[in-house]
Amino acid sequence: MTGTKYQKMVVNYLAKKMGPAANDLVKDVCKKAGFSYDSLSPENMDAFADCFEVEASKFLSEKDIKFTSGVIRKLK
């Protein structure tokens, strides 16, 4: 996997909950949040986390989503 340290941090954290699907989810969430996977950074981590909360509802429980989005926001 290539990318910035923020991409790697988010994907690695989500992989603990979702396995190999995490990378694709991060790419999809970035796209739906309005920026590219390659531009994931501290400046757009809040927007990513907001969009993640919506998109992850297909895969995780509400409790896991809230906790995970909180962790993502702190990755700045």
C-alpha atoms as a PDB file:
ATOM      1  CA  MET A   1       0.000   0.000   0.000  1.00  0.00           C
ATOM      2  CA  THR A   2       1.316   3.407  -0.894  1.00  0.00           C
ATOM      3  CA  GLY A   3       0.208   6.718   0.502  1.00  0.00           C
ATOM      4  CA  THR A   4       0.647   9.260   3.204  1.00  0.00           C
ATOM      5  CA  LYS A   5       1.068   8.431   6.848  1.00  0.00           C
ATOM      6  CA  TYR A   6      -2.567   9.496   7.387  1.00  0.00           C
ATOM      7  CA  GLN A   7      -3.853   7.021   4.831  1.00  0.00           C
ATOM      8  CA  LYS A   8      -1.800   4.295   6.452  1.00  0.00           C
ATOM      9  CA  MET A   9      -2.932   5.203   9.966  1.00  0.00           C
ATOM     10  CA  VAL A  10      -6.617   5.199   8.997  1.00  0.00           C
ATOM     11  CA  VAL A  11      -6.398   1.993   6.954  1.00  0.00           C
ATOM     12  CA  ASN A  12      -4.366   0.182   9.617  1.00  0.00           C
ATOM     13  CA  TYR A  13      -6.800   1.163  12.345  1.00  0.00           C
ATOM     14  CA  LEU A  14      -9.865   0.177  10.310  1.00  0.00           C
ATOM     15  CA  ALA A  15      -8.222  -3.093   9.263  1.00  0.00           C
ATOM     16  CA  LYS A  16      -8.370  -4.192  12.906  1.00  0.00           C
ATOM     17  CA  LYS A  17     -12.166  -4.003  12.704  1.00  0.00           C
ATOM     18  CA  MET A  18     -12.796  -4.787   9.040  1.00  0.00           C
ATOM     19  CA  GLY A  19      -9.845  -6.718   7.689  1.00  0.00           C
ATOM     20  CA  PRO A  20      -8.713  -6.208   4.100  1.00  0.00           C
ATOM     21  CA  ALA A  21     -11.906  -4.337   3.166  1.00  0.00           C
ATOM     22  CA  ALA A  22     -10.596  -1.316   5.084  1.00  0.00           C
ATOM     23  CA  ASN A  23      -8.494   0.020   2.212  1.00  0.00           C
ATOM     24  CA  ASP A  24     -11.442   0.033  -0.203  1.00  0.00           C
ATOM     25  CA  LEU A  25     -13.695   1.628   2.395  1.00  0.00           C
ATOM     26  CA  VAL A  26     -11.186   4.435   2.996  1.00  0.00           C
ATOM     27  CA  LYS A  27     -10.982   5.091  -0.757  1.00  0.00           C
ATOM     28  CA  ASP A  28     -14.789   5.130  -1.053  1.00  0.00           C
ATOM     29  CA  VAL A  29     -15.229   7.422   1.949  1.00  0.00           C
ATOM     30  CA  CYS A  30     -12.640   9.866   0.611  1.00  0.00           C
ATOM     31  CA  LYS A  31     -14.409   9.991  -2.746  1.00  0.00           C
ATOM     32  CA  LYS A  32     -17.829  10.529  -1.158  1.00  0.00           C
ATOM     33  CA  ALA A  33     -16.377  13.189   1.164  1.00  0.00           C
ATOM     34  CA  GLY A  34     -15.194  15.112  -1.893  1.00  0.00           C
ATOM     35  CA  PHE A  35     -11.449  14.587  -1.957  1.00  0.00           C
ATOM     36  CA  SER A  36      -9.024  12.004  -3.270  1.00  0.00           C
ATOM     37  CA  TYR A  37      -7.525   9.165  -1.285  1.00  0.00           C
ATOM     38  CA  ASP A  38      -4.116  10.669  -1.969  1.00  0.00           C
ATOM     39  CA  SER A  39      -5.099  13.948  -0.307  1.00  0.00           C
ATOM     40  CA  LEU A  40      -6.247  12.462   3.024  1.00  0.00           C
ATOM     41  CA  SER A  41      -4.625  14.711   5.625  1.00  0.00           C
ATOM     42  CA  PRO A  42      -5.202  16.353   9.016  1.00  0.00           C
ATOM     43  CA  GLU A  43      -7.044  19.191   7.266  1.00  0.00           C
ATOM     44  CA  ASN A  44      -9.797  16.902   5.988  1.00  0.00           C
ATOM     45  CA  MET A  45      -9.827  14.230   8.718  1.00  0.00           C
ATOM     46  CA  ASP A  46     -13.024  15.658  10.263  1.00  0.00           C
ATOM     47  CA  ALA A  47     -14.809  15.556   6.897  1.00  0.00           C
ATOM     48  CA  PHE A  48     -13.550  12.009   6.417  1.00  0.00           C
ATOM     49  CA  ALA A  49     -14.826  10.963   9.860  1.00  0.00           C
ATOM     50  CA  ASP A  50     -18.243  12.538   9.195  1.00  0.00           C
ATOM     51  CA  CYS A  51     -18.600  10.653   5.919  1.00  0.00           C
ATOM     52  CA  PHE A  52     -17.214   7.473   7.499  1.00  0.00           C
ATOM     53  CA  GLU A  53     -20.044   7.536  10.052  1.00  0.00           C
ATOM     54  CA  VAL A  54     -22.572   7.297   7.213  1.00  0.00           C
ATOM     55  CA  GLU A  55     -20.735   4.816   4.997  1.00  0.00           C
ATOM     56  CA  ALA A  56     -19.616   2.439   7.750  1.00  0.00           C
ATOM     57  CA  SER A  57     -23.199   1.807   8.872  1.00  0.00           C
ATOM     58  CA  LYS A  58     -23.262  -0.999   6.305  1.00  0.00           C
ATOM     59  CA  PHE A  59     -20.398  -2.776   8.054  1.00  0.00           C
ATOM     60  CA  LEU A  60     -20.166  -1.829  11.741  1.00  0.00           C
ATOM     61  CA  SER A  61     -22.455  -1.330  14.715  1.00  0.00           C
ATOM     62  CA  GLU A  62     -23.407   2.210  15.723  1.00  0.00           C
ATOM     63  CA  LYS A  63     -21.258   1.902  18.849  1.00  0.00           C
ATOM     64  CA  ASP A  64     -18.215   0.831  16.796  1.00  0.00           C
ATOM     65  CA  ILE A  65     -18.821   3.610  14.279  1.00  0.00           C
ATOM     66  CA  LYS A  66     -18.925   6.355  16.917  1.00  0.00           C
ATOM     67  CA  PHE A  67     -15.837   5.042  18.684  1.00  0.00           C
ATOM     68  CA  THR A  68     -13.930   4.564  15.419  1.00  0.00           C
ATOM     69  CA  SER A  69     -14.816   7.985  14.026  1.00  0.00           C
ATOM     70  CA  GLY A  70     -13.611   9.499  17.318  1.00  0.00           C
ATOM     71  CA  VAL A  71     -10.281   7.706  16.941  1.00  0.00           C
ATOM     72  CA  ILE A  72     -10.014   8.833  13.315  1.00  0.00           C
ATOM     73  CA  ARG A  73     -10.578  12.455  14.335  1.00  0.00           C
ATOM     74  CA  LYS A  74      -7.689  12.163  16.810  1.00  0.00           C
ATOM     75  CA  LEU A  75      -5.241  10.922  14.180  1.00  0.00           C
ATOM     76  CA  LYS A  76      -4.369  14.496  13.372  1.00  0.00           C
END
